[in-house]
Every structure is written in structure tokens, then in C-alpha cells.
C-alpha atoms as a PDB file:
ATOM      1  CA  MET A   1      13.065 -11.953 -23.504  1.00  0.00           C
ATOM      2  CA  THR A   2      15.418 -10.842 -20.540  1.00  0.00           C
ATOM      3  CA  CYS A   3      14.945 -10.796 -16.645  1.00  0.00           C
ATOM      4  CA  GLN A   4      14.470  -7.434 -16.618  1.00  0.00           C
ATOM      5  CA  GLU A   5      11.888  -7.037 -19.380  1.00  0.00           C
ATOM      6  CA  ALA A   6       9.773 -10.002 -17.984  1.00  0.00           C
ATOM      7  CA  ILE A   7       9.952  -8.069 -14.335  1.00  0.00           C
ATOM      8  CA  ASP A   8       9.282  -4.707 -16.509  1.00  0.00           C
ATOM      9  CA  VAL A   9       5.733  -6.750 -17.328  1.00  0.00           C
ATOM     10  CA  MET A  10       4.747  -9.140 -14.274  1.00  0.00           C
ATOM     11  CA  GLY A  11       2.514  -6.643 -13.231  1.00  0.00           C
ATOM     12  CA  GLU A  12       0.439  -7.010 -17.033  1.00  0.00           C
ATOM     13  CA  ALA A  13       0.782 -10.423 -16.913  1.00  0.00           C
ATOM     14  CA  VAL A  14      -0.400 -11.249 -13.398  1.00  0.00           C
ATOM     15  CA  GLU A  15      -3.677  -9.385 -14.224  1.00  0.00           C
ATOM     16  CA  GLY A  16      -4.235 -11.013 -17.574  1.00  0.00           C
ATOM     17  CA  CYS A  17      -4.070  -7.737 -19.845  1.00  0.00           C
ATOM     18  CA  LEU A  18       0.163  -8.425 -21.056  1.00  0.00           C
ATOM     19  CA  VAL A  19       0.147  -7.329 -24.745  1.00  0.00           C
ATOM     20  CA  PRO A  20      -0.286 -10.459 -27.091  1.00  0.00           C
ATOM     21  CA  GLY A  21       2.633  -9.921 -28.959  1.00  0.00           C
ATOM     22  CA  LEU A  22       4.560 -10.365 -25.504  1.00  0.00           C
ATOM     23  CA  ARG A  23       2.715 -13.236 -24.096  1.00  0.00           C
ATOM     24  CA  PRO A  24       5.129 -16.299 -25.908  1.00  0.00           C
ATOM     25  CA  GLY A  25       8.281 -14.464 -24.912  1.00  0.00           C
ATOM     26  CA  PHE A  26       7.140 -14.229 -21.480  1.00  0.00           C
ATOM     27  CA  ASP A  27       6.086 -17.361 -20.796  1.00  0.00           C
ATOM     28  CA  GLU A  28       9.278 -18.960 -22.349  1.00  0.00           C
ATOM     29  CA  HIS A  29      11.272 -17.221 -20.478  1.00  0.00           C
ATOM     30  CA  ILE A  30       9.012 -18.000 -16.779  1.00  0.00           C
ATOM     31  CA  ALA A  31       9.467 -21.621 -18.198  1.00  0.00           C
ATOM     32  CA  GLU A  32      13.060 -21.042 -18.373  1.00  0.00           C
ATOM     33  CA  CYS A  33      14.198 -18.714 -15.646  1.00  0.00           C
ATOM     34  CA  HIS A  34      13.248 -20.327 -12.212  1.00  0.00           C
ATOM     35  CA  PRO A  35      14.261 -16.865 -10.106  1.00  0.00           C
ATOM     36  CA  CYS A  36      11.969 -14.697 -12.359  1.00  0.00           C
ATOM     37  CA  ALA A  37       9.713 -17.900 -11.933  1.00  0.00           C
ATOM     38  CA  THR A  38       9.456 -18.108  -8.479  1.00  0.00           C
ATOM     39  CA  TYR A  39       9.188 -14.005  -8.435  1.00  0.00           C
ATOM     40  CA  PHE A  40       6.102 -14.129 -10.441  1.00  0.00           C
ATOM     41  CA  GLU A  41       4.241 -16.926  -8.469  1.00  0.00           C
ATOM     42  CA  HIS A  42       5.227 -14.819  -5.035  1.00  0.00           C
ATOM     43  CA  LEU A  43       3.496 -11.646  -7.510  1.00  0.00           C
ATOM     44  CA  HIS A  44       0.796 -13.990  -8.174  1.00  0.00           C
ATOM     45  CA  LEU A  45      -0.004 -15.371  -4.667  1.00  0.00           C
ATOM     46  CA  THR A  46       0.669 -11.748  -3.036  1.00  0.00           C
ATOM     47  CA  ARG A  47      -2.318 -10.351  -5.422  1.00  0.00           C
ATOM     48  CA  ARG A  48      -4.493 -13.183  -4.587  1.00  0.00           C
ATOM     49  CA  ALA A  49      -3.781 -12.463  -0.483  1.00  0.00           C
ATOM     50  CA  LEU A  50      -4.418  -8.843  -0.939  1.00  0.00           C
ATOM     51  CA  ARG A  51      -7.416  -8.585  -2.755  1.00  0.00           C
ATOM     52  CA  SER A  52      -9.030 -11.351  -0.052  1.00  0.00           C
ATOM     53  CA  MET A  53      -8.267  -8.516   2.752  1.00  0.00           C
ATOM     54  CA  PRO A  54     -11.289  -6.583   4.359  1.00  0.00           C
ATOM     55  CA  HIS A  55     -11.798  -3.335   2.346  1.00  0.00           C
ATOM     56  CA  GLU A  56     -11.774   0.066   4.138  1.00  0.00           C
ATOM     57  CA  GLY A  57     -13.104  -0.289   7.217  1.00  0.00           C
ATOM     58  CA  GLY A  58     -12.919  -3.719   7.504  1.00  0.00           C
ATOM     59  CA  THR A  59     -12.221  -6.210  10.652  1.00  0.00           C
ATOM     60  CA  SER A  60      -8.647  -5.571  11.499  1.00  0.00           C
ATOM     61  CA  PRO A  61      -8.141  -2.574  13.466  1.00  0.00           C
ATOM     62  CA  ARG A  62      -4.290  -2.076  12.502  1.00  0.00           C
ATOM     63  CA  ARG A  63      -5.213  -2.365   8.785  1.00  0.00           C
ATOM     64  CA  SER A  64      -4.865   1.747   8.378  1.00  0.00           C
ATOM     65  CA  GLU A  65      -1.972   1.358  10.527  1.00  0.00           C
ATOM     66  CA  LEU A  66      -0.386  -0.703   8.834  1.00  0.00           C
ATOM     67  CA  ILE A  67      -0.786   0.744   5.078  1.00  0.00           C
ATOM     68  CA  GLU A  68       0.748   3.983   7.015  1.00  0.00           C
ATOM     69  CA  LYS A  69       3.595   2.246   7.514  1.00  0.00           C
ATOM     70  CA  PHE A  70       4.112   0.500   4.051  1.00  0.00           C
ATOM     71  CA  ARG A  71       3.326   3.983   2.653  1.00  0.00           C
ATOM     72  CA  LYS A  72       6.196   5.303   4.265  1.00  0.00           C
ATOM     73  CA  GLU A  73       8.432   2.611   3.839  1.00  0.00           C
ATOM     74  CA  PHE A  74       7.639   2.610   0.082  1.00  0.00           C
ATOM     75  CA  GLU A  75       8.471   6.623  -0.020  1.00  0.00           C
ATOM     76  CA  ARG A  76      11.511   6.221   1.574  1.00  0.00           C
ATOM     77  CA  GLU A  77      12.839   3.514  -0.735  1.00  0.00           C
ATOM     78  CA  GLY A  78      11.929   5.951  -3.791  1.00  0.00           C
ATOM     79  CA  ASP A  79      14.148   8.674  -2.664  1.00  0.00           C
END
């Protein structure tokens, strides 16, 4: 598996729903490629941190403001 192929399926891997046929190649690539292993670990940590955030109407008054800022930034990158 190449780096691009591994990155393409990292979302599924971090969610635990990677197609079983891809798992051996993905695991082998992550074991051998330090940059992809680091990226995968960061993705996992980010997912965990986001899940621990309060949901809509949570305790942070800036939450909506920050979400909107990230949404605008993401849209700009997609242009």
C-alpha cells in the first residue's frame, strides 16, 4: 500500500470500519512508514478530542464561532 492509499482509508481505519481485505496492507504500511503512522495517530487523537467536546449548546460560548471559522477556512481551501 502506498502513502496515498493509506491516507485515503485512514478515516475508515480510525473509525474501525476498514474493509477487511485492506487491513493487512494498511497495518503493514503504518508499521513501516513513520510519517503515515504519525498522521494516523494524530487523526486518532483529534477524533478522540472532538468526541469529548460538549455538543451543541455546550459550555463553551465560543464553540459556534470557532466552528463557523473552521467551516469558512475549509471552504476556502476547497476552491
